[in-house]
N, C-alpha and C. Protein backbone atom coordinates (compact mmCIF):
# COMPACT_ATOMS: atom_id res chain seq x y z
N MET A 1 99.55 88.94 34.88
CA MET A 1 100.03 88.24 36.06
C MET A 1 100.99 87.14 35.61
N PRO A 2 102.17 87.10 36.22
CA PRO A 2 103.16 86.10 35.82
C PRO A 2 102.72 84.67 36.16
N LEU A 3 103.24 83.74 35.39
CA LEU A 3 103.04 82.32 35.69
C LEU A 3 104.07 81.93 36.73
N GLU A 4 103.67 81.15 37.71
CA GLU A 4 104.54 80.77 38.81
C GLU A 4 104.73 79.25 38.82
N PHE A 5 105.97 78.83 39.00
CA PHE A 5 106.30 77.41 39.04
C PHE A 5 107.31 77.14 40.15
N ILE A 6 107.27 75.93 40.67
CA ILE A 6 108.32 75.43 41.53
C ILE A 6 109.08 74.38 40.71
N VAL A 7 110.39 74.52 40.66
CA VAL A 7 111.24 73.59 39.91
C VAL A 7 112.22 72.99 40.93
N PRO A 8 111.83 71.86 41.54
CA PRO A 8 112.60 71.32 42.67
C PRO A 8 114.04 70.93 42.36
N ASP A 9 114.35 70.61 41.11
CA ASP A 9 115.71 70.19 40.78
C ASP A 9 116.56 71.32 40.18
N MET A 10 116.10 72.56 40.28
CA MET A 10 116.91 73.72 39.87
C MET A 10 117.86 74.02 41.03
N ALA A 11 119.17 73.80 40.81
CA ALA A 11 120.11 73.84 41.92
C ALA A 11 121.16 74.95 41.87
N CYS A 12 121.36 75.55 40.69
CA CYS A 12 122.47 76.50 40.58
C CYS A 12 122.22 77.51 39.47
N SER A 13 123.18 78.41 39.29
CA SER A 13 123.04 79.44 38.26
C SER A 13 123.03 78.84 36.85
N SER A 14 123.69 77.70 36.66
CA SER A 14 123.64 77.04 35.34
C SER A 14 122.24 76.53 35.04
N CYS A 15 121.55 76.03 36.06
CA CYS A 15 120.16 75.60 35.91
C CYS A 15 119.28 76.78 35.53
N VAL A 16 119.48 77.90 36.22
CA VAL A 16 118.72 79.12 35.93
C VAL A 16 118.93 79.53 34.48
N LYS A 17 120.18 79.50 34.04
CA LYS A 17 120.50 79.89 32.66
C LYS A 17 119.83 78.95 31.66
N SER A 18 119.88 77.64 31.92
CA SER A 18 119.26 76.67 31.02
C SER A 18 117.75 76.87 30.92
N ILE A 19 117.11 77.06 32.06
CA ILE A 19 115.66 77.26 32.08
C ILE A 19 115.29 78.56 31.38
N THR A 20 116.03 79.62 31.68
CA THR A 20 115.76 80.92 31.06
C THR A 20 115.92 80.85 29.54
N GLN A 21 117.00 80.23 29.08
CA GLN A 21 117.23 80.10 27.63
C GLN A 21 116.13 79.28 26.97
N ALA A 22 115.71 78.21 27.62
CA ALA A 22 114.65 77.37 27.05
C ALA A 22 113.36 78.16 26.90
N ILE A 23 112.99 78.90 27.93
CA ILE A 23 111.76 79.69 27.87
C ILE A 23 111.87 80.78 26.82
N ARG A 24 113.01 81.44 26.76
CA ARG A 24 113.18 82.51 25.77
C ARG A 24 113.28 81.99 24.35
N SER A 25 113.60 80.70 24.18
CA SER A 25 113.57 80.13 22.83
C SER A 25 112.13 79.96 22.36
N LEU A 26 111.22 79.81 23.31
CA LEU A 26 109.80 79.72 23.00
C LEU A 26 109.20 81.11 22.82
N ASP A 27 109.58 82.04 23.69
CA ASP A 27 109.07 83.42 23.66
C ASP A 27 110.24 84.36 23.96
N GLY A 28 110.76 84.95 22.92
CA GLY A 28 111.91 85.84 23.06
C GLY A 28 111.66 87.06 23.92
N ASN A 29 110.40 87.39 24.15
CA ASN A 29 110.06 88.55 24.98
C ASN A 29 109.72 88.18 26.42
N ALA A 30 109.82 86.92 26.76
CA ALA A 30 109.47 86.47 28.11
C ALA A 30 110.41 87.08 29.14
N GLU A 31 109.84 87.45 30.27
CA GLU A 31 110.64 87.89 31.41
C GLU A 31 110.67 86.73 32.40
N VAL A 32 111.86 86.26 32.71
CA VAL A 32 112.02 85.09 33.57
C VAL A 32 112.79 85.49 34.82
N ASP A 33 112.24 85.14 35.96
CA ASP A 33 112.91 85.35 37.24
C ASP A 33 112.98 83.99 37.93
N ALA A 34 114.18 83.46 38.07
CA ALA A 34 114.36 82.13 38.66
C ALA A 34 115.33 82.22 39.82
N ASP A 35 115.00 81.56 40.92
CA ASP A 35 115.83 81.57 42.12
C ASP A 35 116.13 80.13 42.54
N PRO A 36 117.39 79.70 42.38
CA PRO A 36 117.71 78.31 42.72
C PRO A 36 117.60 78.01 44.22
N ASP A 37 117.69 79.03 45.06
CA ASP A 37 117.57 78.81 46.50
C ASP A 37 116.15 78.45 46.91
N THR A 38 115.16 79.14 46.32
CA THR A 38 113.76 78.88 46.66
C THR A 38 113.09 77.93 45.69
N LYS A 39 113.79 77.63 44.57
CA LYS A 39 113.27 76.75 43.51
C LYS A 39 112.09 77.38 42.77
N HIS A 40 111.94 78.69 42.87
CA HIS A 40 110.80 79.42 42.31
C HIS A 40 111.15 80.02 40.96
N VAL A 41 110.25 79.83 39.98
CA VAL A 41 110.41 80.44 38.66
C VAL A 41 109.14 81.22 38.35
N SER A 42 109.31 82.48 38.01
CA SER A 42 108.21 83.36 37.64
C SER A 42 108.42 83.78 36.19
N VAL A 43 107.39 83.65 35.36
CA VAL A 43 107.52 83.94 33.93
C VAL A 43 106.40 84.87 33.49
N SER A 44 106.78 86.02 32.95
CA SER A 44 105.81 86.92 32.31
C SER A 44 105.89 86.67 30.82
N THR A 45 104.79 86.18 30.26
CA THR A 45 104.77 85.78 28.85
C THR A 45 103.34 85.81 28.34
N SER A 46 103.22 85.84 27.04
CA SER A 46 101.90 85.74 26.41
C SER A 46 101.56 84.28 26.08
N ARG A 47 102.53 83.38 26.30
CA ARG A 47 102.31 81.96 26.00
C ARG A 47 101.50 81.30 27.11
N ALA A 48 100.89 80.18 26.78
CA ALA A 48 100.05 79.44 27.73
C ALA A 48 100.92 78.76 28.79
N ARG A 49 100.34 78.60 29.98
CA ARG A 49 101.04 77.94 31.09
C ARG A 49 101.59 76.58 30.68
N ILE A 50 100.78 75.79 29.98
CA ILE A 50 101.20 74.44 29.60
C ILE A 50 102.41 74.48 28.66
N GLU A 51 102.49 75.48 27.81
CA GLU A 51 103.63 75.62 26.90
C GLU A 51 104.92 75.88 27.69
N ILE A 52 104.83 76.75 28.69
CA ILE A 52 106.01 77.06 29.50
C ILE A 52 106.40 75.83 30.32
N GLU A 53 105.41 75.18 30.90
CA GLU A 53 105.69 73.98 31.69
C GLU A 53 106.37 72.91 30.83
N GLN A 54 105.86 72.67 29.64
CA GLN A 54 106.44 71.67 28.74
C GLN A 54 107.85 72.06 28.32
N THR A 55 108.10 73.34 28.16
CA THR A 55 109.43 73.82 27.79
C THR A 55 110.43 73.56 28.91
N ILE A 56 110.02 73.81 30.15
CA ILE A 56 110.90 73.53 31.30
C ILE A 56 111.15 72.02 31.41
N LEU A 57 110.11 71.23 31.21
CA LEU A 57 110.26 69.77 31.24
C LEU A 57 111.22 69.30 30.14
N ALA A 58 111.07 69.85 28.95
CA ALA A 58 111.92 69.47 27.82
C ALA A 58 113.38 69.85 28.07
N ALA A 59 113.60 70.86 28.90
CA ALA A 59 114.97 71.26 29.25
C ALA A 59 115.58 70.33 30.30
N GLY A 60 114.77 69.38 30.80
CA GLY A 60 115.29 68.37 31.70
C GLY A 60 114.99 68.59 33.17
N TYR A 61 114.03 69.44 33.47
CA TYR A 61 113.72 69.77 34.86
C TYR A 61 112.31 69.31 35.23
N THR A 62 112.11 69.04 36.50
CA THR A 62 110.80 68.70 37.04
C THR A 62 110.07 70.00 37.34
N VAL A 63 108.76 70.02 37.08
CA VAL A 63 107.97 71.22 37.31
C VAL A 63 106.79 70.91 38.22
N VAL A 64 106.59 71.77 39.21
CA VAL A 64 105.41 71.71 40.05
C VAL A 64 104.71 73.04 39.87
N SER A 65 103.52 73.04 39.27
CA SER A 65 102.79 74.30 39.09
C SER A 65 102.40 74.85 40.44
N GLU A 66 102.44 76.15 40.52
CA GLU A 66 102.10 76.82 41.77
C GLU A 66 101.02 77.85 41.50
N SER A 67 99.90 77.72 42.17
CA SER A 67 98.81 78.67 42.02
C SER A 67 98.89 79.71 43.12
N LEU A 68 98.79 80.98 42.76
CA LEU A 68 98.83 82.06 43.74
C LEU A 68 97.44 82.53 44.11
N ASP A 69 96.42 81.85 43.65
CA ASP A 69 95.06 82.30 43.92
C ASP A 69 94.64 82.04 45.33
């Protein structure tokens, strides 16, 4: 099940590229789906949620975890 996040300050395709590159630098096999219109980021990875969240934060973005349960 993918990890789901809301990134409120993701505004454009450059933001999507930055976030995707940051996550893939942590996990080269990660599948990242980011939509700047909905501010939604979905990540399929073997890494822990906190690692992905910290990576997005380190890239300069705010993260709001989203639980789909």
